[in-house]
Amino acid sequence: MTEPRRPTLRERTRPAEVLGLAAVLSLFVGGAVLFATRDLTLAIVFFGVAFVVAVLMFATLLLAVSKPEPPRDDDRPPAH
């Protein structure tokens, strides 16, 4: 039996990249709302909403773009 494959550094840092990109995008949105309205509460609400939407959007895009793993030999049904 083979040992399970260890994830690469790129695969381990992918969640941090998604959270970082979402934070930068939401900071931009929150800052724009703060400069436009001068209302801190509204800016915080928009920051939170933008962060959640950005995390969902980036995670969905990562799932759509990531390469599927090739099937292993033990998963194949027996041939007749």
PDB file of N, CA and C in Angstrom:
ATOM      1  N   MET A   1       0.836  -1.162   0.000  1.00  0.00           N
ATOM      2  CA  MET A   1       0.000   0.000   0.000  1.00  0.00           C
ATOM      3  C   MET A   1       0.888   1.236   0.000  1.00  0.00           C
ATOM      4  N   THR A   2       0.500   2.236  -0.757  1.00  0.00           N
ATOM      5  CA  THR A   2       1.289   3.456  -0.845  1.00  0.00           C
ATOM      6  C   THR A   2       0.850   4.448   0.234  1.00  0.00           C
ATOM      7  N   GLU A   3       1.792   5.297   0.613  1.00  0.00           N
ATOM      8  CA  GLU A   3       1.478   6.323   1.595  1.00  0.00           C
ATOM      9  C   GLU A   3       0.656   7.425   0.939  1.00  0.00           C
ATOM     10  N   PRO A   4      -0.211   8.078   1.711  1.00  0.00           N
ATOM     11  CA  PRO A   4      -0.974   9.181   1.120  1.00  0.00           C
ATOM     12  C   PRO A   4      -0.053  10.333   0.730  1.00  0.00           C
ATOM     13  N   ARG A   5      -0.409  11.009  -0.339  1.00  0.00           N
ATOM     14  CA  ARG A   5       0.404  12.105  -0.850  1.00  0.00           C
ATOM     15  C   ARG A   5       0.303  13.299   0.079  1.00  0.00           C
ATOM     16  N   ARG A   6       1.459  13.885   0.411  1.00  0.00           N
ATOM     17  CA  ARG A   6       1.482  15.078   1.251  1.00  0.00           C
ATOM     18  C   ARG A   6       1.160  16.294   0.401  1.00  0.00           C
ATOM     19  N   PRO A   7       0.336  17.215   0.909  1.00  0.00           N
ATOM     20  CA  PRO A   7       0.027  18.414   0.124  1.00  0.00           C
ATOM     21  C   PRO A   7       1.257  19.306  -0.032  1.00  0.00           C
ATOM     22  N   THR A   8       1.343  19.943  -1.175  1.00  0.00           N
ATOM     23  CA  THR A   8       2.466  20.840  -1.442  1.00  0.00           C
ATOM     24  C   THR A   8       2.259  22.149  -0.693  1.00  0.00           C
ATOM     25  N   LEU A   9       3.308  22.970  -0.668  1.00  0.00           N
ATOM     26  CA  LEU A   9       3.216  24.267  -0.007  1.00  0.00           C
ATOM     27  C   LEU A   9       2.139  25.123  -0.666  1.00  0.00           C
ATOM     28  N   ARG A  10       2.052  25.039  -1.964  1.00  0.00           N
ATOM     29  CA  ARG A  10       1.030  25.810  -2.699  1.00  0.00           C
ATOM     30  C   ARG A  10      -0.373  25.390  -2.270  1.00  0.00           C
ATOM     31  N   GLU A  11      -0.601  24.101  -2.110  1.00  0.00           N
ATOM     32  CA  GLU A  11      -1.916  23.620  -1.696  1.00  0.00           C
ATOM     33  C   GLU A  11      -2.230  23.996  -0.252  1.00  0.00           C
ATOM     34  N   ARG A  12      -1.196  24.046   0.598  1.00  0.00           N
ATOM     35  CA  ARG A  12      -1.429  24.398   1.997  1.00  0.00           C
ATOM     36  C   ARG A  12      -1.686  25.888   2.190  1.00  0.00           C
ATOM     37  N   THR A  13      -1.123  26.746   1.327  1.00  0.00           N
ATOM     38  CA  THR A  13      -1.312  28.188   1.480  1.00  0.00           C
ATOM     39  C   THR A  13      -2.508  28.721   0.702  1.00  0.00           C
ATOM     40  N   ARG A  14      -3.177  27.886  -0.053  1.00  0.00           N
ATOM     41  CA  ARG A  14      -4.310  28.347  -0.854  1.00  0.00           C
ATOM     42  C   ARG A  14      -5.423  28.967  -0.002  1.00  0.00           C
ATOM     43  N   PRO A  15      -5.815  28.399   1.151  1.00  0.00           N
ATOM     44  CA  PRO A  15      -6.853  29.074   1.954  1.00  0.00           C
ATOM     45  C   PRO A  15      -6.419  30.458   2.442  1.00  0.00           C
ATOM     46  N   ALA A  16      -5.155  30.621   2.781  1.00  0.00           N
ATOM     47  CA  ALA A  16      -4.671  31.927   3.217  1.00  0.00           C
ATOM     48  C   ALA A  16      -4.716  32.933   2.067  1.00  0.00           C
ATOM     49  N   GLU A  17      -4.450  32.478   0.858  1.00  0.00           N
ATOM     50  CA  GLU A  17      -4.532  33.364  -0.299  1.00  0.00           C
ATOM     51  C   GLU A  17      -5.954  33.837  -0.516  1.00  0.00           C
ATOM     52  N   VAL A  18      -6.907  32.927  -0.392  1.00  0.00           N
ATOM     53  CA  VAL A  18      -8.317  33.287  -0.585  1.00  0.00           C
ATOM     54  C   VAL A  18      -8.737  34.305   0.467  1.00  0.00           C
ATOM     55  N   LEU A  19      -8.379  34.065   1.724  1.00  0.00           N
ATOM     56  CA  LEU A  19      -8.751  35.004   2.784  1.00  0.00           C
ATOM     57  C   LEU A  19      -8.056  36.346   2.609  1.00  0.00           C
ATOM     58  N   GLY A  20      -6.805  36.333   2.167  1.00  0.00           N
ATOM     59  CA  GLY A  20      -6.085  37.583   1.941  1.00  0.00           C
ATOM     60  C   GLY A  20      -6.682  38.405   0.819  1.00  0.00           C
ATOM     61  N   LEU A  21      -6.993  37.756  -0.297  1.00  0.00           N
ATOM     62  CA  LEU A  21      -7.617  38.471  -1.410  1.00  0.00           C
ATOM     63  C   LEU A  21      -8.986  39.011  -1.019  1.00  0.00           C
ATOM     64  N   ALA A  22      -9.756  38.229  -0.271  1.00  0.00           N
ATOM     65  CA  ALA A  22     -11.071  38.690   0.179  1.00  0.00           C
ATOM     66  C   ALA A  22     -10.938  39.866   1.128  1.00  0.00           C
ATOM     67  N   ALA A  23      -9.923  39.840   1.995  1.00  0.00           N
ATOM     68  CA  ALA A  23      -9.720  40.949   2.929  1.00  0.00           C
ATOM     69  C   ALA A  23      -9.345  42.235   2.187  1.00  0.00           C
ATOM     70  N   VAL A  24      -8.485  42.117   1.189  1.00  0.00           N
ATOM     71  CA  VAL A  24      -8.088  43.303   0.426  1.00  0.00           C
ATOM     72  C   VAL A  24      -9.289  43.879  -0.314  1.00  0.00           C
ATOM     73  N   LEU A  25     -10.081  43.024  -0.943  1.00  0.00           N
ATOM     74  CA  LEU A  25     -11.257  43.495  -1.662  1.00  0.00           C
ATOM     75  C   LEU A  25     -12.259  44.139  -0.715  1.00  0.00           C
ATOM     76  N   SER A  26     -12.484  43.533   0.436  1.00  0.00           N
ATOM     77  CA  SER A  26     -13.453  44.087   1.376  1.00  0.00           C
ATOM     78  C   SER A  26     -12.934  45.374   2.021  1.00  0.00           C
ATOM     79  N   LEU A  27     -11.625  45.491   2.228  1.00  0.00           N
ATOM     80  CA  LEU A  27     -11.071  46.758   2.707  1.00  0.00           C
ATOM     81  C   LEU A  27     -11.309  47.884   1.705  1.00  0.00           C
ATOM     82  N   PHE A  28     -11.167  47.568   0.436  1.00  0.00           N
ATOM     83  CA  PHE A  28     -11.431  48.557  -0.603  1.00  0.00           C
ATOM     84  C   PHE A  28     -12.892  48.992  -0.569  1.00  0.00           C
ATOM     85  N   VAL A  29     -13.801  48.021  -0.472  1.00  0.00           N
ATOM     86  CA  VAL A  29     -15.228  48.340  -0.437  1.00  0.00           C
ATOM     87  C   VAL A  29     -15.568  49.137   0.820  1.00  0.00           C
ATOM     88  N   GLY A  30     -15.086  48.687   1.965  1.00  0.00           N
ATOM     89  CA  GLY A  30     -15.353  49.409   3.208  1.00  0.00           C
ATOM     90  C   GLY A  30     -14.788  50.814   3.190  1.00  0.00           C
ATOM     91  N   GLY A  31     -13.578  50.968   2.654  1.00  0.00           N
ATOM     92  CA  GLY A  31     -12.980  52.298   2.554  1.00  0.00           C
ATOM     93  C   GLY A  31     -13.746  53.209   1.615  1.00  0.00           C
ATOM     94  N   ALA A  32     -14.202  52.659   0.495  1.00  0.00           N
ATOM     95  CA  ALA A  32     -14.979  53.468  -0.449  1.00  0.00           C
ATOM     96  C   ALA A  32     -16.298  53.922   0.180  1.00  0.00           C
ATOM     97  N   VAL A  33     -16.949  53.028   0.901  1.00  0.00           N
ATOM     98  CA  VAL A  33     -18.202  53.403   1.565  1.00  0.00           C
ATOM     99  C   VAL A  33     -17.938  54.428   2.659  1.00  0.00           C
ATOM    100  N   LEU A  34     -16.853  54.260   3.403  1.00  0.00           N
ATOM    101  CA  LEU A  34     -16.526  55.219   4.455  1.00  0.00           C
ATOM    102  C   LEU A  34     -16.232  56.602   3.881  1.00  0.00           C
ATOM    103  N   PHE A  35     -15.485  56.674   2.803  1.00  0.00           N
ATOM    104  CA  PHE A  35     -15.188  57.968   2.192  1.00  0.00           C
ATOM    105  C   PHE A  35     -16.425  58.605   1.572  1.00  0.00           C
ATOM    106  N   ALA A  36     -17.331  57.781   1.050  1.00  0.00           N
ATOM    107  CA  ALA A  36     -18.518  58.322   0.395  1.00  0.00           C
ATOM    108  C   ALA A  36     -19.575  58.778   1.392  1.00  0.00           C
ATOM    109  N   THR A  37     -19.752  58.041   2.490  1.00  0.00           N
ATOM    110  CA  THR A  37     -20.852  58.354   3.400  1.00  0.00           C
ATOM    111  C   THR A  37     -20.401  58.947   4.726  1.00  0.00           C
ATOM    112  N   ARG A  38     -19.157  58.774   5.113  1.00  0.00           N
ATOM    113  CA  ARG A  38     -18.626  59.202   6.415  1.00  0.00           C
ATOM    114  C   ARG A  38     -19.385  58.561   7.578  1.00  0.00           C
ATOM    115  N   ASP A  39     -19.953  57.380   7.327  1.00  0.00           N
ATOM    116  CA  ASP A  39     -20.671  56.638   8.369  1.00  0.00           C
ATOM    117  C   ASP A  39     -19.896  55.348   8.641  1.00  0.00           C
ATOM    118  N   LEU A  40     -19.283  55.264   9.816  1.00  0.00           N
ATOM    119  CA  LEU A  40     -18.431  54.120  10.153  1.00  0.00           C
ATOM    120  C   LEU A  40     -19.237  52.827  10.262  1.00  0.00           C
ATOM    121  N   THR A  41     -20.427  52.900  10.822  1.00  0.00           N
ATOM    122  CA  THR A  41     -21.255  51.694  10.972  1.00  0.00           C
ATOM    123  C   THR A  41     -21.606  51.101   9.611  1.00  0.00           C
ATOM    124  N   LEU A  42     -22.013  51.945   8.686  1.00  0.00           N
ATOM    125  CA  LEU A  42     -22.347  51.474   7.345  1.00  0.00           C
ATOM    126  C   LEU A  42     -21.116  50.895   6.647  1.00  0.00           C
ATOM    127  N   ALA A  43     -19.954  51.508   6.841  1.00  0.00           N
ATOM    128  CA  ALA A  43     -18.721  51.005   6.236  1.00  0.00           C
ATOM    129  C   ALA A  43     -18.359  49.635   6.796  1.00  0.00           C
ATOM    130  N   ILE A  44     -18.562  49.435   8.096  1.00  0.00           N
ATOM    131  CA  ILE A  44     -18.268  48.138   8.703  1.00  0.00           C
ATOM    132  C   ILE A  44     -19.210  47.067   8.174  1.00  0.00           C
ATOM    133  N   VAL A  45     -20.478  47.409   8.007  1.00  0.00           N
ATOM    134  CA  VAL A  45     -21.449  46.453   7.463  1.00  0.00           C
ATOM    135  C   VAL A  45     -21.064  46.072   6.037  1.00  0.00           C
ATOM    136  N   PHE A  46     -20.730  47.058   5.220  1.00  0.00           N
ATOM    137  CA  PHE A  46     -20.342  46.765   3.841  1.00  0.00           C
ATOM    138  C   PHE A  46     -19.048  45.963   3.790  1.00  0.00           C
ATOM    139  N   PHE A  47     -18.113  46.265   4.712  1.00  0.00           N
ATOM    140  CA  PHE A  47     -16.880  45.485   4.793  1.00  0.00           C
ATOM    141  C   PHE A  47     -17.196  44.015   5.056  1.00  0.00           C
ATOM    142  N   GLY A  48     -18.051  43.735   6.025  1.00  0.00           N
ATOM    143  CA  GLY A  48     -18.403  42.354   6.365  1.00  0.00           C
ATOM    144  C   GLY A  48     -19.107  41.635   5.233  1.00  0.00           C
ATOM    145  N   VAL A  49     -20.052  42.312   4.612  1.00  0.00           N
ATOM    146  CA  VAL A  49     -20.783  41.693   3.498  1.00  0.00           C
ATOM    147  C   VAL A  49     -19.841  41.433   2.328  1.00  0.00           C
ATOM    148  N   ALA A  50     -18.994  42.393   2.023  1.00  0.00           N
ATOM    149  CA  ALA A  50     -18.051  42.218   0.915  1.00  0.00           C
ATOM    150  C   ALA A  50     -17.063  41.091   1.210  1.00  0.00           C
ATOM    151  N   PHE A  51     -16.648  40.939   2.469  1.00  0.00           N
ATOM    152  CA  PHE A  51     -15.717  39.863   2.825  1.00  0.00           C
ATOM    153  C   PHE A  51     -16.358  38.498   2.612  1.00  0.00           C
ATOM    154  N   VAL A  52     -17.584  38.329   3.083  1.00  0.00           N
ATOM    155  CA  VAL A  52     -18.266  37.043   2.929  1.00  0.00           C
ATOM    156  C   VAL A  52     -18.507  36.730   1.457  1.00  0.00           C
ATOM    157  N   VAL A  53     -18.973  37.711   0.705  1.00  0.00           N
ATOM    158  CA  VAL A  53     -19.227  37.495  -0.726  1.00  0.00           C
ATOM    159  C   VAL A  53     -17.929  37.178  -1.464  1.00  0.00           C
ATOM    160  N   ALA A  54     -16.852  37.869  -1.123  1.00  0.00           N
ATOM    161  CA  ALA A  54     -15.567  37.636  -1.797  1.00  0.00           C
ATOM    162  C   ALA A  54     -15.019  36.249  -1.468  1.00  0.00           C
ATOM    163  N   VAL A  55     -15.132  35.818  -0.216  1.00  0.00           N
ATOM    164  CA  VAL A  55     -14.661  34.468   0.144  1.00  0.00           C
ATOM    165  C   VAL A  55     -15.439  33.421  -0.630  1.00  0.00           C
ATOM    166  N   LEU A  56     -16.752  33.564  -0.685  1.00  0.00           N
ATOM    167  CA  LEU A  56     -17.564  32.602  -1.437  1.00  0.00           C
ATOM    168  C   LEU A  56     -17.219  32.615  -2.919  1.00  0.00           C
ATOM    169  N   MET A  57     -17.033  33.800  -3.480  1.00  0.00           N
ATOM    170  CA  MET A  57     -16.725  33.909  -4.904  1.00  0.00           C
ATOM    171  C   MET A  57     -15.363  33.290  -5.230  1.00  0.00           C
ATOM    172  N   PHE A  58     -14.338  33.626  -4.442  1.00  0.00           N
ATOM    173  CA  PHE A  58     -13.008  33.084  -4.711  1.00  0.00           C
ATOM    174  C   PHE A  58     -12.950  31.580  -4.485  1.00  0.00           C
ATOM    175  N   ALA A  59     -13.620  31.081  -3.455  1.00  0.00           N
ATOM    176  CA  ALA A  59     -13.627  29.637  -3.202  1.00  0.00           C
ATOM    177  C   ALA A  59     -14.335  28.884  -4.325  1.00  0.00           C
ATOM    178  N   THR A  60     -15.427  29.446  -4.818  1.00  0.00           N
ATOM    179  CA  THR A  60     -16.133  28.810  -5.928  1.00  0.00           C
ATOM    180  C   THR A  60     -15.274  28.805  -7.185  1.00  0.00           C
ATOM    181  N   LEU A  61     -14.587  29.912  -7.442  1.00  0.00           N
ATOM    182  CA  LEU A  61     -13.704  29.955  -8.611  1.00  0.00           C
ATOM    183  C   LEU A  61     -12.555  28.958  -8.481  1.00  0.00           C
ATOM    184  N   LEU A  62     -12.014  28.800  -7.276  1.00  0.00           N
ATOM    185  CA  LEU A  62     -10.942  27.822  -7.076  1.00  0.00           C
ATOM    186  C   LEU A  62     -11.433  26.403  -7.333  1.00  0.00           C
ATOM    187  N   LEU A  63     -12.644  26.102  -6.910  1.00  0.00           N
ATOM    188  CA  LEU A  63     -13.195  24.768  -7.171  1.00  0.00           C
ATOM    189  C   LEU A  63     -13.403  24.545  -8.661  1.00  0.00           C
ATOM    190  N   ALA A  64     -13.816  25.579  -9.367  1.00  0.00           N
ATOM    191  CA  ALA A  64     -14.072  25.435 -10.796  1.00  0.00           C
ATOM    192  C   ALA A  64     -12.788  25.314 -11.599  1.00  0.00           C
ATOM    193  N   VAL A  65     -11.707  25.932 -11.136  1.00  0.00           N
ATOM    194  CA  VAL A  65     -10.466  25.975 -11.896  1.00  0.00           C
ATOM    195  C   VAL A  65      -9.520  24.843 -11.533  1.00  0.00           C
ATOM    196  N   SER A  66      -9.609  24.328 -10.303  1.00  0.00           N
ATOM    197  CA  SER A  66      -8.639  23.325  -9.853  1.00  0.00           C
ATOM    198  C   SER A  66      -8.733  22.055 -10.691  1.00  0.00           C
ATOM    199  N   LYS A  67      -7.583  21.398 -10.851  1.00  0.00           N
ATOM    200  CA  LYS A  67      -7.511  20.174 -11.650  1.00  0.00           C
ATOM    201  C   LYS A  67      -8.057  18.991 -10.847  1.00  0.00           C
ATOM    202  N   PRO A  68      -8.889  18.181 -11.452  1.00  0.00           N
ATOM    203  CA  PRO A  68      -9.346  16.992 -10.728  1.00  0.00           C
ATOM    204  C   PRO A  68      -8.220  15.967 -10.621  1.00  0.00           C
ATOM    205  N   GLU A  69      -8.222  15.230  -9.537  1.00  0.00           N
ATOM    206  CA  GLU A  69      -7.202  14.203  -9.361  1.00  0.00           C
ATOM    207  C   GLU A  69      -7.528  13.009 -10.258  1.00  0.00           C
ATOM    208  N   PRO A  70      -6.520  12.415 -10.875  1.00  0.00           N
ATOM    209  CA  PRO A  70      -6.800  11.251 -11.710  1.00  0.00           C
ATOM    210  C   PRO A  70      -7.268  10.084 -10.841  1.00  0.00           C
ATOM    211  N   PRO A  71      -8.143   9.252 -11.371  1.00  0.00           N
ATOM    212  CA  PRO A  71      -8.620   8.123 -10.570  1.00  0.00           C
ATOM    213  C   PRO A  71      -7.491   7.127 -10.300  1.00  0.00           C
ATOM    214  N   ARG A  72      -7.511   6.570  -9.115  1.00  0.00           N
ATOM    215  CA  ARG A  72      -6.500   5.571  -8.760  1.00  0.00           C
ATOM    216  C   ARG A  72      -6.922   4.219  -9.338  1.00  0.00           C
ATOM    217  N   ASP A  73      -5.964   3.314  -9.418  1.00  0.00           N
ATOM    218  CA  ASP A  73      -6.263   1.998  -9.987  1.00  0.00           C
ATOM    219  C   ASP A  73      -7.204   1.194  -9.104  1.00  0.00           C
ATOM    220  N   ASP A  74      -7.161   1.405  -7.763  1.00  0.00           N
ATOM    221  CA  ASP A  74      -8.002   0.589  -6.897  1.00  0.00           C
ATOM    222  C   ASP A  74      -9.473   1.026  -6.975  1.00  0.00           C
ATOM    223  N   ASP A  75      -9.761   2.203  -7.539  1.00  0.00           N
ATOM    224  CA  ASP A  75     -11.125   2.685  -7.606  1.00  0.00           C
ATOM    225  C   ASP A  75     -11.884   2.167  -8.823  1.00  0.00           C
ATOM    226  N   ARG A  76     -11.180   1.571  -9.753  1.00  0.00           N
ATOM    227  CA  ARG A  76     -11.841   1.102 -10.972  1.00  0.00           C
ATOM    228  C   ARG A  76     -12.651  -0.158 -10.699  1.00  0.00           C
ATOM    229  N   PRO A  77     -13.823  -0.240 -11.319  1.00  0.00           N
ATOM    230  CA  PRO A  77     -14.596  -1.484 -11.144  1.00  0.00           C
ATOM    231  C   PRO A  77     -13.912  -2.627 -11.894  1.00  0.00           C
ATOM    232  N   PRO A  78     -14.104  -3.842 -11.446  1.00  0.00           N
ATOM    233  CA  PRO A  78     -13.455  -4.980 -12.120  1.00  0.00           C
ATOM    234  C   PRO A  78     -13.984  -5.152 -13.547  1.00  0.00           C
ATOM    235  N   ALA A  79     -13.065  -5.444 -14.472  1.00  0.00           N
ATOM    236  CA  ALA A  79     -13.448  -5.653 -15.874  1.00  0.00           C
ATOM    237  C   ALA A  79     -13.949  -7.078 -16.063  1.00  0.00           C
ATOM    238  N   HIS A  80     -14.900  -7.256 -16.932  1.00  0.00           N
ATOM    239  CA  HIS A  80     -15.475  -8.584 -17.190  1.00  0.00           C
ATOM    240  C   HIS A  80     -14.778  -9.261 -18.324  1.00  0.00           C
TER     241      HIS A  80
END
